[in-house]
PDB file of N, CA and C in Angstrom:
ATOM      1  N   UNK A   1       0.803  -1.138   0.053  1.00  0.00           N
ATOM      2  CA  UNK A   1       0.103   0.145  -0.057  1.00  0.00           C
ATOM      3  C   UNK A   1       0.726   1.540  -0.059  1.00  0.00           C
ATOM      4  N   UNK A   2       0.463   2.087  -0.666  1.00  0.00           N
ATOM      5  CA  UNK A   2       1.096   3.595  -0.944  1.00  0.00           C
ATOM      6  C   UNK A   2       0.679   4.599  -0.180  1.00  0.00           C
ATOM      7  N   UNK A   3       1.282   5.045   0.880  1.00  0.00           N
ATOM      8  CA  UNK A   3       0.628   6.236   1.920  1.00  0.00           C
ATOM      9  C   UNK A   3       1.077   7.385   1.203  1.00  0.00           C
ATOM     10  N   UNK A   4       0.008   8.173   0.973  1.00  0.00           N
ATOM     11  CA  UNK A   4       0.068   9.651   0.480  1.00  0.00           C
ATOM     12  C   UNK A   4      -0.297  10.758   1.618  1.00  0.00           C
ATOM     13  N   UNK A   5       0.909  11.536   1.726  1.00  0.00           N
ATOM     14  CA  UNK A   5       0.543  12.540   2.909  1.00  0.00           C
ATOM     15  C   UNK A   5      -0.786  13.555   2.266  1.00  0.00           C
ATOM     16  N   UNK A   6      -1.352  13.682   3.259  1.00  0.00           N
ATOM     17  CA  UNK A   6      -2.451  14.780   3.064  1.00  0.00           C
ATOM     18  C   UNK A   6      -2.429  16.042   3.437  1.00  0.00           C
ATOM     19  N   UNK A   7      -2.895  17.201   2.926  1.00  0.00           N
ATOM     20  CA  UNK A   7      -2.883  18.402   3.740  1.00  0.00           C
ATOM     21  C   UNK A   7      -3.956  18.672   4.784  1.00  0.00           C
ATOM     22  N   UNK A   8      -3.673  19.242   5.732  1.00  0.00           N
ATOM     23  CA  UNK A   8      -4.623  19.490   6.834  1.00  0.00           C
ATOM     24  C   UNK A   8      -4.876  20.648   6.868  1.00  0.00           C
ATOM     25  N   UNK A   9      -5.926  21.208   7.766  1.00  0.00           N
ATOM     26  CA  UNK A   9      -6.098  22.419   8.103  1.00  0.00           C
ATOM     27  C   UNK A   9      -5.011  23.307   8.402  1.00  0.00           C
ATOM     28  N   UNK A  10      -4.261  22.859   9.169  1.00  0.00           N
ATOM     29  CA  UNK A  10      -2.965  23.610   9.763  1.00  0.00           C
ATOM     30  C   UNK A  10      -2.066  23.636   8.861  1.00  0.00           C
ATOM     31  N   UNK A  11      -1.989  22.685   7.618  1.00  0.00           N
ATOM     32  CA  UNK A  11      -0.787  23.125   6.413  1.00  0.00           C
ATOM     33  C   UNK A  11      -1.535  23.889   5.341  1.00  0.00           C
ATOM     34  N   UNK A  12      -2.909  24.069   5.522  1.00  0.00           N
ATOM     35  CA  UNK A  12      -3.704  25.194   4.724  1.00  0.00           C
ATOM     36  C   UNK A  12      -3.423  26.440   5.068  1.00  0.00           C
ATOM     37  N   UNK A  13      -3.554  26.485   6.588  1.00  0.00           N
ATOM     38  CA  UNK A  13      -3.096  28.026   7.108  1.00  0.00           C
ATOM     39  C   UNK A  13      -1.892  28.335   6.922  1.00  0.00           C
ATOM     40  N   UNK A  14      -0.755  27.437   7.127  1.00  0.00           N
ATOM     41  CA  UNK A  14       0.683  27.885   6.763  1.00  0.00           C
ATOM     42  C   UNK A  14       0.527  28.429   5.483  1.00  0.00           C
ATOM     43  N   UNK A  15       0.036  27.724   4.462  1.00  0.00           N
ATOM     44  CA  UNK A  15       0.096  28.071   2.874  1.00  0.00           C
ATOM     45  C   UNK A  15      -0.624  29.651   2.965  1.00  0.00           C
ATOM     46  N   UNK A  16      -1.818  29.848   3.307  1.00  0.00           N
ATOM     47  CA  UNK A  16      -2.218  31.108   3.330  1.00  0.00           C
ATOM     48  C   UNK A  16      -1.446  32.255   3.997  1.00  0.00           C
ATOM     49  N   UNK A  17      -0.696  31.990   5.084  1.00  0.00           N
ATOM     50  CA  UNK A  17      -0.045  33.047   5.729  1.00  0.00           C
ATOM     51  C   UNK A  17       1.212  33.391   4.540  1.00  0.00           C
ATOM     52  N   UNK A  18       1.848  32.218   4.129  1.00  0.00           N
ATOM     53  CA  UNK A  18       2.895  32.540   3.021  1.00  0.00           C
ATOM     54  C   UNK A  18       2.157  33.419   1.961  1.00  0.00           C
ATOM     55  N   UNK A  19       1.344  32.970   1.278  1.00  0.00           N
ATOM     56  CA  UNK A  19       0.714  33.532   0.208  1.00  0.00           C
ATOM     57  C   UNK A  19       0.492  35.022   0.477  1.00  0.00           C
ATOM     58  N   UNK A  20      -0.170  35.235   1.802  1.00  0.00           N
ATOM     59  CA  UNK A  20      -0.541  36.741   2.060  1.00  0.00           C
ATOM     60  C   UNK A  20       0.726  37.366   2.315  1.00  0.00           C
ATOM     61  N   UNK A  21       1.879  37.049   2.854  1.00  0.00           N
ATOM     62  CA  UNK A  21       2.956  37.308   3.043  1.00  0.00           C
ATOM     63  C   UNK A  21       3.470  38.016   1.725  1.00  0.00           C
ATOM     64  N   UNK A  22       3.563  37.131   0.639  1.00  0.00           N
ATOM     65  CA  UNK A  22       3.825  37.426  -0.445  1.00  0.00           C
ATOM     66  C   UNK A  22       3.037  38.435  -1.301  1.00  0.00           C
ATOM     67  N   UNK A  23       1.704  38.324  -1.261  1.00  0.00           N
ATOM     68  CA  UNK A  23       0.725  39.395  -1.758  1.00  0.00           C
ATOM     69  C   UNK A  23       1.108  41.045  -1.174  1.00  0.00           C
ATOM     70  N   UNK A  24       1.462  40.741   0.079  1.00  0.00           N
ATOM     71  CA  UNK A  24       1.525  42.450   0.710  1.00  0.00           C
ATOM     72  C   UNK A  24       2.854  42.808   0.177  1.00  0.00           C
ATOM     73  N   UNK A  25       3.747  41.777  -0.025  1.00  0.00           N
ATOM     74  CA  UNK A  25       5.302  42.135  -0.315  1.00  0.00           C
ATOM     75  C   UNK A  25       5.293  42.649  -1.765  1.00  0.00           C
ATOM     76  N   UNK A  26       4.438  42.299  -2.726  1.00  0.00           N
ATOM     77  CA  UNK A  26       4.143  42.823  -4.187  1.00  0.00           C
ATOM     78  C   UNK A  26       3.381  43.817  -4.025  1.00  0.00           C
ATOM     79  N   UNK A  27       2.726  44.125  -2.958  1.00  0.00           N
ATOM     80  CA  UNK A  27       1.456  44.999  -3.080  1.00  0.00           C
ATOM     81  C   UNK A  27       0.310  44.749  -3.573  1.00  0.00           C
ATOM     82  N   UNK A  28      -0.108  43.486  -3.617  1.00  0.00           N
ATOM     83  CA  UNK A  28      -1.420  43.266  -4.438  1.00  0.00           C
ATOM     84  C   UNK A  28      -2.241  42.480  -3.465  1.00  0.00           C
ATOM     85  N   UNK A  29      -3.426  42.895  -3.142  1.00  0.00           N
ATOM     86  CA  UNK A  29      -4.247  41.983  -2.283  1.00  0.00           C
ATOM     87  C   UNK A  29      -4.972  41.246  -3.065  1.00  0.00           C
ATOM     88  N   UNK A  30      -5.126  39.848  -2.521  1.00  0.00           N
ATOM     89  CA  UNK A  30      -5.566  38.724  -3.097  1.00  0.00           C
ATOM     90  C   UNK A  30      -6.518  38.091  -2.499  1.00  0.00           C
ATOM     91  N   UNK A  31      -7.155  37.191  -3.249  1.00  0.00           N
ATOM     92  CA  UNK A  31      -8.211  36.168  -2.643  1.00  0.00           C
ATOM     93  C   UNK A  31      -7.197  34.890  -3.008  1.00  0.00           C
ATOM     94  N   UNK A  32      -7.236  33.913  -1.718  1.00  0.00           N
ATOM     95  CA  UNK A  32      -6.374  33.084  -1.953  1.00  0.00           C
ATOM     96  C   UNK A  32      -7.049  31.518  -1.474  1.00  0.00           C
ATOM     97  N   UNK A  33      -7.037  30.539  -2.210  1.00  0.00           N
ATOM     98  CA  UNK A  33      -7.323  29.389  -1.946  1.00  0.00           C
ATOM     99  C   UNK A  33      -6.498  28.328  -2.002  1.00  0.00           C
ATOM    100  N   UNK A  34      -6.905  27.194  -1.106  1.00  0.00           N
ATOM    101  CA  UNK A  34      -5.916  26.015  -0.785  1.00  0.00           C
ATOM    102  C   UNK A  34      -6.915  25.098  -0.944  1.00  0.00           C
ATOM    103  N   UNK A  35      -6.603  24.065  -1.871  1.00  0.00           N
ATOM    104  CA  UNK A  35      -7.554  22.686  -1.914  1.00  0.00           C
ATOM    105  C   UNK A  35      -6.552  21.632  -1.545  1.00  0.00           C
ATOM    106  N   UNK A  36      -7.341  20.421  -1.514  1.00  0.00           N
ATOM    107  CA  UNK A  36      -6.666  19.029  -0.935  1.00  0.00           C
ATOM    108  C   UNK A  36      -6.079  18.259  -2.744  1.00  0.00           C
ATOM    109  N   UNK A  37      -5.827  17.338  -2.504  1.00  0.00           N
ATOM    110  CA  UNK A  37      -5.224  16.624  -3.718  1.00  0.00           C
ATOM    111  C   UNK A  37      -6.523  16.506  -4.798  1.00  0.00           C
ATOM    112  N   UNK A  38      -7.635  16.313  -4.195  1.00  0.00           N
ATOM    113  CA  UNK A  38      -8.557  15.953  -5.082  1.00  0.00           C
ATOM    114  C   UNK A  38      -9.545  17.288  -5.443  1.00  0.00           C
ATOM    115  N   UNK A  39      -8.887  18.471  -5.223  1.00  0.00           N
ATOM    116  CA  UNK A  39      -9.446  19.753  -5.737  1.00  0.00           C
ATOM    117  C   UNK A  39     -10.421  20.298  -4.770  1.00  0.00           C
ATOM    118  N   UNK A  40     -10.717  19.732  -3.653  1.00  0.00           N
ATOM    119  CA  UNK A  40     -11.638  19.960  -2.448  1.00  0.00           C
ATOM    120  C   UNK A  40     -11.034  21.297  -1.584  1.00  0.00           C
ATOM    121  N   UNK A  41     -11.950  22.324  -1.699  1.00  0.00           N
ATOM    122  CA  UNK A  41     -11.458  23.593  -1.011  1.00  0.00           C
ATOM    123  C   UNK A  41     -11.116  23.248   0.641  1.00  0.00           C
ATOM    124  N   UNK A  42      -9.996  23.749   1.059  1.00  0.00           N
ATOM    125  CA  UNK A  42      -9.736  23.363   2.382  1.00  0.00           C
ATOM    126  C   UNK A  42      -9.665  24.651   3.363  1.00  0.00           C
ATOM    127  N   UNK A  43      -9.136  25.848   2.546  1.00  0.00           N
ATOM    128  CA  UNK A  43      -9.176  27.128   3.242  1.00  0.00           C
ATOM    129  C   UNK A  43      -9.402  28.148   2.041  1.00  0.00           C
ATOM    130  N   UNK A  44      -9.922  29.460   2.439  1.00  0.00           N
ATOM    131  CA  UNK A  44     -10.241  30.456   1.570  1.00  0.00           C
ATOM    132  C   UNK A  44      -9.609  31.704   2.450  1.00  0.00           C
ATOM    133  N   UNK A  45      -9.206  32.608   1.871  1.00  0.00           N
ATOM    134  CA  UNK A  45      -8.827  33.747   2.587  1.00  0.00           C
ATOM    135  C   UNK A  45      -8.760  34.931   1.599  1.00  0.00           C
ATOM    136  N   UNK A  46      -9.757  36.046   2.045  1.00  0.00           N
ATOM    137  CA  UNK A  46      -9.810  37.260   0.843  1.00  0.00           C
ATOM    138  C   UNK A  46      -9.370  38.176   1.748  1.00  0.00           C
ATOM    139  N   UNK A  47      -8.231  38.794   1.017  1.00  0.00           N
ATOM    140  CA  UNK A  47      -7.492  40.024   1.963  1.00  0.00           C
ATOM    141  C   UNK A  47      -8.209  41.360   1.676  1.00  0.00           C
ATOM    142  N   UNK A  48      -8.162  42.227   2.553  1.00  0.00           N
ATOM    143  CA  UNK A  48      -8.913  43.633   2.463  1.00  0.00           C
ATOM    144  C   UNK A  48      -8.275  44.065   1.137  1.00  0.00           C
ATOM    145  N   UNK A  49      -9.104  44.570   0.302  1.00  0.00           N
ATOM    146  CA  UNK A  49      -9.040  45.278  -0.948  1.00  0.00           C
ATOM    147  C   UNK A  49      -9.022  44.036  -2.052  1.00  0.00           C
ATOM    148  N   UNK A  50      -9.167  42.890  -2.062  1.00  0.00           N
ATOM    149  CA  UNK A  50      -8.929  42.004  -2.990  1.00  0.00           C
ATOM    150  C   UNK A  50     -10.215  42.050  -4.047  1.00  0.00           C
ATOM    151  N   UNK A  51      -9.897  42.036  -5.092  1.00  0.00           N
ATOM    152  CA  UNK A  51     -11.212  41.997  -6.022  1.00  0.00           C
ATOM    153  C   UNK A  51     -12.138  41.042  -5.929  1.00  0.00           C
ATOM    154  N   UNK A  52     -13.503  41.247  -5.590  1.00  0.00           N
ATOM    155  CA  UNK A  52     -14.578  40.477  -5.409  1.00  0.00           C
ATOM    156  C   UNK A  52     -14.546  39.336  -6.803  1.00  0.00           C
ATOM    157  N   UNK A  53     -14.189  39.855  -7.948  1.00  0.00           N
ATOM    158  CA  UNK A  53     -14.287  38.807  -8.849  1.00  0.00           C
ATOM    159  C   UNK A  53     -13.231  37.761  -8.779  1.00  0.00           C
ATOM    160  N   UNK A  54     -12.452  37.998  -8.060  1.00  0.00           N
ATOM    161  CA  UNK A  54     -11.294  36.892  -7.893  1.00  0.00           C
ATOM    162  C   UNK A  54     -11.627  35.655  -7.321  1.00  0.00           C
ATOM    163  N   UNK A  55     -12.813  35.867  -6.429  1.00  0.00           N
ATOM    164  CA  UNK A  55     -12.834  34.666  -5.589  1.00  0.00           C
ATOM    165  C   UNK A  55     -12.867  33.553  -6.123  1.00  0.00           C
ATOM    166  N   UNK A  56     -13.941  33.439  -7.290  1.00  0.00           N
ATOM    167  CA  UNK A  56     -14.304  32.121  -7.940  1.00  0.00           C
ATOM    168  C   UNK A  56     -12.959  31.705  -8.863  1.00  0.00           C
ATOM    169  N   UNK A  57     -12.269  32.742  -9.328  1.00  0.00           N
ATOM    170  CA  UNK A  57     -10.668  32.529  -9.916  1.00  0.00           C
ATOM    171  C   UNK A  57      -9.873  31.737  -9.045  1.00  0.00           C
ATOM    172  N   UNK A  58      -9.596  32.259  -7.808  1.00  0.00           N
ATOM    173  CA  UNK A  58      -8.910  31.780  -6.996  1.00  0.00           C
ATOM    174  C   UNK A  58      -9.111  30.372  -6.773  1.00  0.00           C
ATOM    175  N   UNK A  59     -10.420  30.057  -6.675  1.00  0.00           N
ATOM    176  CA  UNK A  59     -10.920  28.634  -6.168  1.00  0.00           C
ATOM    177  C   UNK A  59     -10.664  27.851  -7.270  1.00  0.00           C
ATOM    178  N   UNK A  60     -11.003  28.466  -8.602  1.00  0.00           N
ATOM    179  CA  UNK A  60     -10.904  27.438  -9.811  1.00  0.00           C
ATOM    180  C   UNK A  60      -9.472  27.297 -10.063  1.00  0.00           C
ATOM    181  N   UNK A  61      -8.646  28.330 -10.020  1.00  0.00           N
ATOM    182  CA  UNK A  61      -7.125  27.956 -10.062  1.00  0.00           C
ATOM    183  C   UNK A  61      -6.640  27.116  -9.394  1.00  0.00           C
ATOM    184  N   UNK A  62      -6.857  26.718  -8.175  1.00  0.00           N
ATOM    185  CA  UNK A  62      -6.546  25.863  -7.163  1.00  0.00           C
ATOM    186  C   UNK A  62      -6.962  24.851  -7.626  1.00  0.00           C
ATOM    187  N   UNK A  63      -8.170  24.553  -7.958  1.00  0.00           N
ATOM    188  CA  UNK A  63      -8.683  23.281  -8.436  1.00  0.00           C
ATOM    189  C   UNK A  63      -8.126  22.763  -9.743  1.00  0.00           C
ATOM    190  N   UNK A  64      -7.875  23.470 -10.663  1.00  0.00           N
ATOM    191  CA  UNK A  64      -7.211  23.376 -11.827  1.00  0.00           C
ATOM    192  C   UNK A  64      -5.743  22.772 -11.351  1.00  0.00           C
ATOM    193  N   UNK A  65      -4.904  23.370 -10.666  1.00  0.00           N
ATOM    194  CA  UNK A  65      -3.650  22.993 -10.316  1.00  0.00           C
ATOM    195  C   UNK A  65      -3.729  22.006  -9.689  1.00  0.00           C
ATOM    196  N   UNK A  66      -4.633  21.309  -8.875  1.00  0.00           N
ATOM    197  CA  UNK A  66      -4.747  20.003  -8.303  1.00  0.00           C
ATOM    198  C   UNK A  66      -4.974  18.880  -9.231  1.00  0.00           C
ATOM    199  N   UNK A  67      -6.003  19.199  -9.980  1.00  0.00           N
ATOM    200  CA  UNK A  67      -6.467  18.428 -10.768  1.00  0.00           C
ATOM    201  C   UNK A  67      -5.461  17.879 -11.784  1.00  0.00           C
ATOM    202  N   UNK A  68      -4.817  18.934 -12.509  1.00  0.00           N
ATOM    203  CA  UNK A  68      -3.679  18.790 -13.323  1.00  0.00           C
ATOM    204  C   UNK A  68      -2.316  18.379 -12.854  1.00  0.00           C
ATOM    205  N   UNK A  69      -2.046  18.447 -11.525  1.00  0.00           N
ATOM    206  CA  UNK A  69      -1.174  18.466 -10.660  1.00  0.00           C
ATOM    207  C   UNK A  69       0.063  19.121 -11.391  1.00  0.00           C
ATOM    208  N   UNK A  70      -0.272  20.394 -11.703  1.00  0.00           N
ATOM    209  CA  UNK A  70       0.804  21.469 -12.712  1.00  0.00           C
ATOM    210  C   UNK A  70       0.307  22.498 -11.973  1.00  0.00           C
ATOM    211  N   UNK A  71       1.274  23.595 -11.604  1.00  0.00           N
ATOM    212  CA  UNK A  71       1.051  24.916 -11.261  1.00  0.00           C
ATOM    213  C   UNK A  71       0.569  25.753 -12.240  1.00  0.00           C
ATOM    214  N   UNK A  72      -0.604  26.623 -12.073  1.00  0.00           N
ATOM    215  CA  UNK A  72      -1.066  26.972 -13.023  1.00  0.00           C
ATOM    216  C   UNK A  72      -0.461  27.938 -13.923  1.00  0.00           C
ATOM    217  N   UNK A  73       0.787  28.764 -12.910  1.00  0.00           N
ATOM    218  CA  UNK A  73       1.714  29.501 -14.047  1.00  0.00           C
ATOM    219  C   UNK A  73       2.066  28.646 -15.224  1.00  0.00           C
ATOM    220  N   UNK A  74       2.142  27.206 -15.255  1.00  0.00           N
ATOM    221  CA  UNK A  74       2.776  26.665 -16.203  1.00  0.00           C
ATOM    222  C   UNK A  74       1.952  26.435 -17.622  1.00  0.00           C
ATOM    223  N   UNK A  75       0.659  27.035 -17.503  1.00  0.00           N
ATOM    224  CA  UNK A  75      -0.427  27.063 -18.206  1.00  0.00           C
ATOM    225  C   UNK A  75      -0.197  28.525 -19.109  1.00  0.00           C
ATOM    226  N   UNK A  76       0.489  29.345 -18.692  1.00  0.00           N
ATOM    227  CA  UNK A  76       0.595  30.577 -19.331  1.00  0.00           C
ATOM    228  C   UNK A  76       0.772  30.685 -20.858  1.00  0.00           C
ATOM    229  N   UNK A  77       1.639  29.936 -21.092  1.00  0.00           N
ATOM    230  CA  UNK A  77       1.883  29.745 -22.780  1.00  0.00           C
ATOM    231  C   UNK A  77       0.952  28.951 -23.356  1.00  0.00           C
ATOM    232  N   UNK A  78       0.553  27.906 -23.060  1.00  0.00           N
ATOM    233  CA  UNK A  78      -0.412  27.324 -23.771  1.00  0.00           C
ATOM    234  C   UNK A  78      -1.928  27.769 -23.721  1.00  0.00           C
ATOM    235  N   UNK A  79      -2.020  28.743 -22.802  1.00  0.00           N
ATOM    236  CA  UNK A  79      -3.605  29.265 -22.495  1.00  0.00           C
ATOM    237  C   UNK A  79      -3.806  30.530 -23.356  1.00  0.00           C
ATOM    238  N   UNK A  80      -2.726  30.795 -24.038  1.00  0.00           N
ATOM    239  CA  UNK A  80      -3.033  32.030 -24.983  1.00  0.00           C
ATOM    240  C   UNK A  80      -3.700  31.763 -26.198  1.00  0.00           C
ATOM    241  N   UNK A  81      -4.369  32.726 -26.936  1.00  0.00           N
ATOM    242  CA  UNK A  81      -5.179  32.562 -27.883  1.00  0.00           C
ATOM    243  C   UNK A  81      -4.323  31.864 -28.900  1.00  0.00           C
ATOM    244  N   UNK A  82      -4.983  30.599 -29.643  1.00  0.00           N
ATOM    245  CA  UNK A  82      -4.461  29.871 -30.538  1.00  0.00           C
ATOM    246  C   UNK A  82      -3.545  28.684 -29.717  1.00  0.00           C
ATOM    247  N   UNK A  83      -3.344  28.507 -28.489  1.00  0.00           N
ATOM    248  CA  UNK A  83      -2.757  27.742 -27.743  1.00  0.00           C
ATOM    249  C   UNK A  83      -3.733  26.555 -27.676  1.00  0.00           C
ATOM    250  N   UNK A  84      -3.270  25.172 -27.102  1.00  0.00           N
ATOM    251  CA  UNK A  84      -4.169  24.012 -27.045  1.00  0.00           C
ATOM    252  C   UNK A  84      -5.003  24.271 -25.770  1.00  0.00           C
ATOM    253  N   UNK A  85      -4.483  25.145 -24.419  1.00  0.00           N
ATOM    254  CA  UNK A  85      -5.534  25.027 -23.576  1.00  0.00           C
ATOM    255  C   UNK A  85      -6.143  26.530 -23.570  1.00  0.00           C
ATOM    256  N   UNK A  86      -6.218  27.410 -24.566  1.00  0.00           N
ATOM    257  CA  UNK A  86      -6.908  28.755 -24.632  1.00  0.00           C
ATOM    258  C   UNK A  86      -8.537  28.288 -24.379  1.00  0.00           C
ATOM    259  N   UNK A  87      -8.806  29.245 -23.319  1.00  0.00           N
ATOM    260  CA  UNK A  87     -10.309  29.325 -22.853  1.00  0.00           C
ATOM    261  C   UNK A  87     -10.421  28.243 -21.425  1.00  0.00           C
ATOM    262  N   UNK A  88      -9.336  27.782 -21.198  1.00  0.00           N
ATOM    263  CA  UNK A  88      -9.674  27.051 -20.017  1.00  0.00           C
ATOM    264  C   UNK A  88     -10.174  27.831 -18.731  1.00  0.00           C
ATOM    265  N   UNK A  89     -10.873  27.189 -18.014  1.00  0.00           N
ATOM    266  CA  UNK A  89     -11.113  28.077 -16.635  1.00  0.00           C
ATOM    267  C   UNK A  89     -11.696  27.107 -15.795  1.00  0.00           C
TER     268      UNK A  89
END
């Protein structure tokens, strides 16, 4: 049997803290979503001043990253118009 480590709520809180720290560092208030390996939401944090339209985007990006086992920034090139992943969301 293979044992797979799972994110806990405590892990998700650490991730949220790090993401908020980075967002403050770059001066961009963000909506931050953390999901488990099945794409299920574990934690969500909306910073003061974050765009309300980014709530669903953050959750969907986290879901996509979990489902594809790939960081969403890796989609940047292939998600451009004409690329094989254009229009994913």
